[in-house]
Structure formats: structure tokens, C-alpha cells
């Protein structure tokens, strides 16, 4: 089984103070933020992946930390009944430039699978990616959130991986025999690769 490693980067930091009135009306979670340099903050956390910002509230005071400030943050999501962990990591954009972004670690057992939610228009989601969370009331939804997955390849590159068996096989350098075995595994287990649990089950079998 190929082993994929997690790499973390330490970057110079800066902190921005904000007022509560400047914030979006989002959920707050009790958790912990680990800043670059090792300092730890415990209190209420809110995050915005579209802006790559983490908000920290304590004693009615709110501070905002960018992806350059934070090594990682985590909190208990009571709604999902799970401990959620986010890491600030570099990702190479299409133009070749690298940008620090927050990624959620959703699976770790011999390999690491990361997720990043993206907000897009509903009609766009219908032809590109399967929506996992809808923003507005039933019948009035204009935008949805979709999951995007990322892994470290066997050669150590951090890349986006699509929920399609051909892309998965390419990113993991599966040979023709391994591709055939993967096809049989998908069929025999009736996997829907746009379903997170099925997708994790597949890559756990072949990574």
C-alpha cells in the first residue's frame, strides 16, 4: 500500500482585529487555533473558506487570522458529531503560482484525504460536481456548496483529485491491472464516487 505523507509549512504571521458587527451571520464553534510559532488559542471559532479567514471570539472580543497566521484549527461539530480539523497548506494554482489555503482533513489512515468546500451556482453544480450542502430554503436555492478533494500523490505533490475513477487512477499511478481491479471493486460494491463515504472506501482500498 502506497503511503502518502502530510507536510506542514510555517509562515510569517499577522493579526487583524475586527468588530462583531463586521462579521457574517455564521455558526460559532468551541475549539482551538494553533498559530504559526506554536501559540494556542482556545475559544469560539468561526471560519470562511472562501476568504481563507479564521475568526476567534473570546470575552466579546473578536480577532481574524488569515491563512498566513494559522498552522491549524479544530473544533467539535455537534451537528455532524465529529471533530473537524483544518490545516493551512500550499496549493499550486493553474497559473503555476502557489497559494496558502485552508483544507479540512477528513480521513487519515495510511494516507491523508483533504476536503475543501466551494460555493458555486446551483445550475453550475448540476453539470460539474454533486452538491453536499444547500444554502437557502427549499425551492429558492441559487447557490450550493460542493466538496473538492485533495491528496498527496506517491511522489509527494499535493493535488486536487476528482471523483472519477480515471482521474483517481492517473493521480495514483495505477497500472492497467490495478485499474481493472479498481473497476471491478466499484461495480461489485456498487460505489457512487460522488458520495464521500464511497469515495473514501475506494481510495482506502487502492492507496
Protein backbone atom coordinates (compact mmCIF):
# COMPACT_ATOMS: atom_id res chain seq x y z
CA UNK A 1 0.00 0.00 0.00
CA UNK A 2 1.40 3.35 -1.01
CA UNK A 3 1.96 5.77 1.84
CA UNK A 4 1.10 9.45 1.50
CA UNK A 5 2.57 11.95 3.95
CA UNK A 6 1.30 15.26 5.30
CA UNK A 7 3.59 18.26 5.01
CA UNK A 8 3.08 21.40 7.05
CA UNK A 9 4.64 24.80 6.45
CA UNK A 10 5.48 27.57 8.92
CA UNK A 11 4.93 31.11 7.59
CA UNK A 12 5.34 34.64 8.97
CA UNK A 13 2.10 35.82 10.58
CA UNK A 14 -0.03 38.91 11.04
CA UNK A 15 -3.22 39.52 13.02
CA UNK A 16 -6.22 41.67 12.21
CA UNK A 17 -8.75 42.85 14.81
CA UNK A 18 -12.37 43.10 13.74
CA UNK A 19 -15.67 44.14 15.26
CA UNK A 20 -18.58 41.74 15.76
CA UNK A 21 -20.73 43.94 13.54
CA UNK A 22 -18.35 43.29 10.63
CA UNK A 23 -18.92 39.55 10.68
CA UNK A 24 -21.24 37.42 8.59
CA UNK A 25 -24.04 35.66 10.43
CA UNK A 26 -22.37 32.27 10.73
CA UNK A 27 -22.09 29.47 13.27
CA UNK A 28 -19.60 29.65 16.12
CA UNK A 29 -17.92 26.51 17.46
CA UNK A 30 -15.81 25.95 20.56
CA UNK A 31 -12.37 24.85 19.51
CA UNK A 32 -8.67 25.60 19.25
CA UNK A 33 -6.45 27.56 16.89
CA UNK A 34 -2.72 26.80 16.66
CA UNK A 35 -0.86 29.80 15.30
CA UNK A 36 2.44 29.65 13.47
CA UNK A 37 5.06 29.77 16.19
CA UNK A 38 3.10 27.38 18.41
CA UNK A 39 0.82 29.77 20.35
CA UNK A 40 -2.59 28.18 21.02
CA UNK A 41 -5.94 29.93 21.38
CA UNK A 42 -9.00 28.24 22.88
CA UNK A 43 -12.44 29.72 22.48
CA UNK A 44 -15.18 30.23 19.91
CA UNK A 45 -14.23 29.77 16.26
CA UNK A 46 -15.84 30.76 13.00
CA UNK A 47 -14.26 30.25 9.59
CA UNK A 48 -14.71 31.35 5.98
CA UNK A 49 -13.03 29.11 3.40
CA UNK A 50 -13.94 31.40 0.51
CA UNK A 51 -11.80 34.13 2.12
CA UNK A 52 -9.42 31.77 3.97
CA UNK A 53 -10.05 33.53 7.27
CA UNK A 54 -10.49 32.11 10.78
CA UNK A 55 -12.30 34.17 13.42
CA UNK A 56 -11.64 33.82 17.14
CA UNK A 57 -14.02 35.20 19.79
CA UNK A 58 -13.33 35.42 23.50
CA UNK A 59 -14.79 37.81 26.10
CA UNK A 60 -16.75 39.67 23.40
CA UNK A 61 -13.52 40.40 21.53
CA UNK A 62 -13.05 39.08 18.01
CA UNK A 63 -9.85 38.65 16.01
CA UNK A 64 -9.42 37.46 12.45
CA UNK A 65 -6.48 35.29 11.40
CA UNK A 66 -5.58 34.72 7.78
CA UNK A 67 -4.18 31.52 6.29
CA UNK A 68 -0.72 33.05 6.83
CA UNK A 69 -1.30 33.27 10.60
CA UNK A 70 -2.60 29.79 11.29
CA UNK A 71 -0.94 26.38 11.28
CA UNK A 72 -4.20 24.57 12.02
CA UNK A 73 -7.53 24.88 13.80
CA UNK A 74 -10.07 22.36 15.02
CA UNK A 75 -13.45 22.22 16.70
CA UNK A 76 -16.20 19.79 17.63
CA UNK A 77 -19.07 19.99 15.18
CA UNK A 78 -22.07 18.88 17.23
CA UNK A 79 -24.33 18.81 14.18
CA UNK A 80 -22.09 16.33 12.38
CA UNK A 81 -20.93 14.72 15.64
CA UNK A 82 -17.30 14.84 14.58
CA UNK A 83 -14.06 16.63 15.39
CA UNK A 84 -13.18 18.72 12.36
CA UNK A 85 -9.55 19.62 11.62
CA UNK A 86 -8.30 22.26 9.17
CA UNK A 87 -4.72 22.91 8.08
CA UNK A 88 -3.15 25.83 6.23
CA UNK A 89 -1.27 24.32 3.31
CA UNK A 90 0.23 25.48 0.00
CA UNK A 91 -1.62 24.63 -3.19
CA UNK A 92 -0.37 25.24 -6.71
CA UNK A 93 -2.88 27.16 -8.84
CA UNK A 94 -3.39 26.71 -12.58
CA UNK A 95 -1.14 29.67 -13.33
CA UNK A 96 1.72 27.91 -11.56
CA UNK A 97 1.70 30.15 -8.51
CA UNK A 98 1.40 28.69 -5.02
CA UNK A 99 -1.14 29.97 -2.50
CA UNK A 100 -1.72 29.07 1.14
CA UNK A 101 -5.29 27.81 1.70
CA UNK A 102 -7.27 26.06 4.42
CA UNK A 103 -8.03 22.37 3.83
CA UNK A 104 -10.07 20.06 6.04
CA UNK A 105 -8.50 16.72 6.88
CA UNK A 106 -11.37 14.24 6.54
CA UNK A 107 -9.53 10.92 6.52
CA UNK A 108 -6.14 9.72 7.77
CA UNK A 109 -5.11 6.08 7.86
CA UNK A 110 -2.02 5.29 5.80
CA UNK A 111 -2.88 8.23 3.56
CA UNK A 112 -4.43 11.66 4.05
CA UNK A 113 -7.56 12.87 2.27
CA UNK A 114 -8.39 16.56 2.42
CA UNK A 115 -11.59 18.39 1.55
CA UNK A 116 -12.36 21.96 0.63
CA UNK A 117 -15.93 23.21 0.26
CA UNK A 118 -16.61 25.62 -2.57
CA UNK A 119 -19.69 27.79 -3.09
CA UNK A 120 -20.98 27.81 -6.67
CA UNK A 121 -24.22 28.48 -8.51
CA UNK A 122 -26.80 25.70 -8.36
CA UNK A 123 -27.09 25.36 -12.14
CA UNK A 124 -23.30 25.11 -12.36
CA UNK A 125 -23.22 22.37 -9.71
CA UNK A 126 -25.73 20.29 -11.66
CA UNK A 127 -23.26 19.82 -14.52
CA UNK A 128 -19.97 19.82 -12.64
CA UNK A 129 -20.00 18.49 -9.09
CA UNK A 130 -22.52 16.97 -6.72
CA UNK A 131 -23.75 19.47 -4.10
CA UNK A 132 -23.40 18.40 -0.47
CA UNK A 133 -24.93 21.38 1.30
CA UNK A 134 -27.59 23.83 0.15
CA UNK A 135 -27.64 27.40 1.40
CA UNK A 136 -31.18 28.64 1.01
CA UNK A 137 -34.70 27.39 1.70
CA UNK A 138 -36.18 24.62 -0.44
CA UNK A 139 -37.26 25.92 -3.85
CA UNK A 140 -35.28 29.17 -3.55
CA UNK A 141 -31.72 27.96 -3.75
CA UNK A 142 -29.39 29.90 -6.03
CA UNK A 143 -26.09 28.65 -4.61
CA UNK A 144 -24.82 25.38 -3.18
CA UNK A 145 -21.62 24.09 -1.62
CA UNK A 146 -19.69 21.24 -3.20
CA UNK A 147 -16.80 19.16 -1.91
CA UNK A 148 -13.43 19.16 -3.62
CA UNK A 149 -10.89 16.50 -2.63
CA UNK A 150 -7.11 16.71 -2.38
CA UNK A 151 -4.37 14.15 -1.72
CA UNK A 152 -0.62 13.82 -1.68
CA UNK A 153 0.49 11.73 -4.63
CA UNK A 154 3.11 8.99 -4.15
CA UNK A 155 5.72 11.48 -5.43
CA UNK A 156 4.77 13.98 -2.72
CA UNK A 157 2.74 16.53 -4.70
CA UNK A 158 -0.44 17.95 -3.17
CA UNK A 159 -3.09 17.80 -5.89
CA UNK A 160 -6.82 18.03 -6.45
CA UNK A 161 -8.42 14.70 -7.17
CA UNK A 162 -11.76 14.35 -8.93
CA UNK A 163 -14.47 11.84 -8.06
CA UNK A 164 -13.88 9.99 -11.30
CA UNK A 165 -12.09 6.65 -11.47
CA UNK A 166 -9.87 7.66 -14.41
CA UNK A 167 -8.56 10.75 -12.63
CA UNK A 168 -8.03 8.78 -9.45
CA UNK A 169 -6.10 6.10 -11.35
CA UNK A 170 -3.94 8.73 -13.07
CA UNK A 171 -3.14 10.64 -9.85
CA UNK A 172 -2.21 7.44 -8.04
CA UNK A 173 -0.24 6.00 -10.99
CA UNK A 174 -2.25 2.76 -11.13
CA UNK A 175 -1.09 0.33 -13.79
CA UNK A 176 -3.57 -1.33 -16.22
CA UNK A 177 -4.00 -4.36 -13.96
CA UNK A 178 -4.71 -2.17 -10.93
CA UNK A 179 -7.19 -0.09 -12.95
CA UNK A 180 -9.10 -3.23 -13.89
CA UNK A 181 -9.21 -4.36 -10.26
CA UNK A 182 -10.48 -0.90 -9.27
CA UNK A 183 -13.28 -1.09 -11.86
CA UNK A 184 -14.34 -4.46 -10.51
CA UNK A 185 -14.24 -3.15 -6.93
CA UNK A 186 -16.50 -0.22 -7.83
CA UNK A 187 -19.00 -2.45 -9.60
CA UNK A 188 -19.11 -5.24 -7.01
CA UNK A 189 -19.56 -2.76 -4.14
CA UNK A 190 -21.97 -0.52 -6.10
CA UNK A 191 -19.98 2.59 -5.22
CA UNK A 192 -21.09 6.10 -6.08
CA UNK A 193 -17.85 8.08 -6.17
CA UNK A 194 -19.67 11.37 -5.60
CA UNK A 195 -20.68 10.03 -2.20
CA UNK A 196 -17.94 10.90 0.30
CA UNK A 197 -18.03 7.60 2.20
CA UNK A 198 -17.89 5.59 -1.05
CA UNK A 199 -15.04 7.73 -2.37
CA UNK A 200 -13.06 7.22 0.83
CA UNK A 201 -13.75 3.48 0.70
CA UNK A 202 -12.32 3.30 -2.82
CA UNK A 203 -9.10 5.21 -2.26
CA UNK A 204 -8.55 3.41 1.05
CA UNK A 205 -8.57 0.17 -0.94
CA UNK A 206 -6.09 1.36 -3.60
CA UNK A 207 -3.78 3.91 -1.96
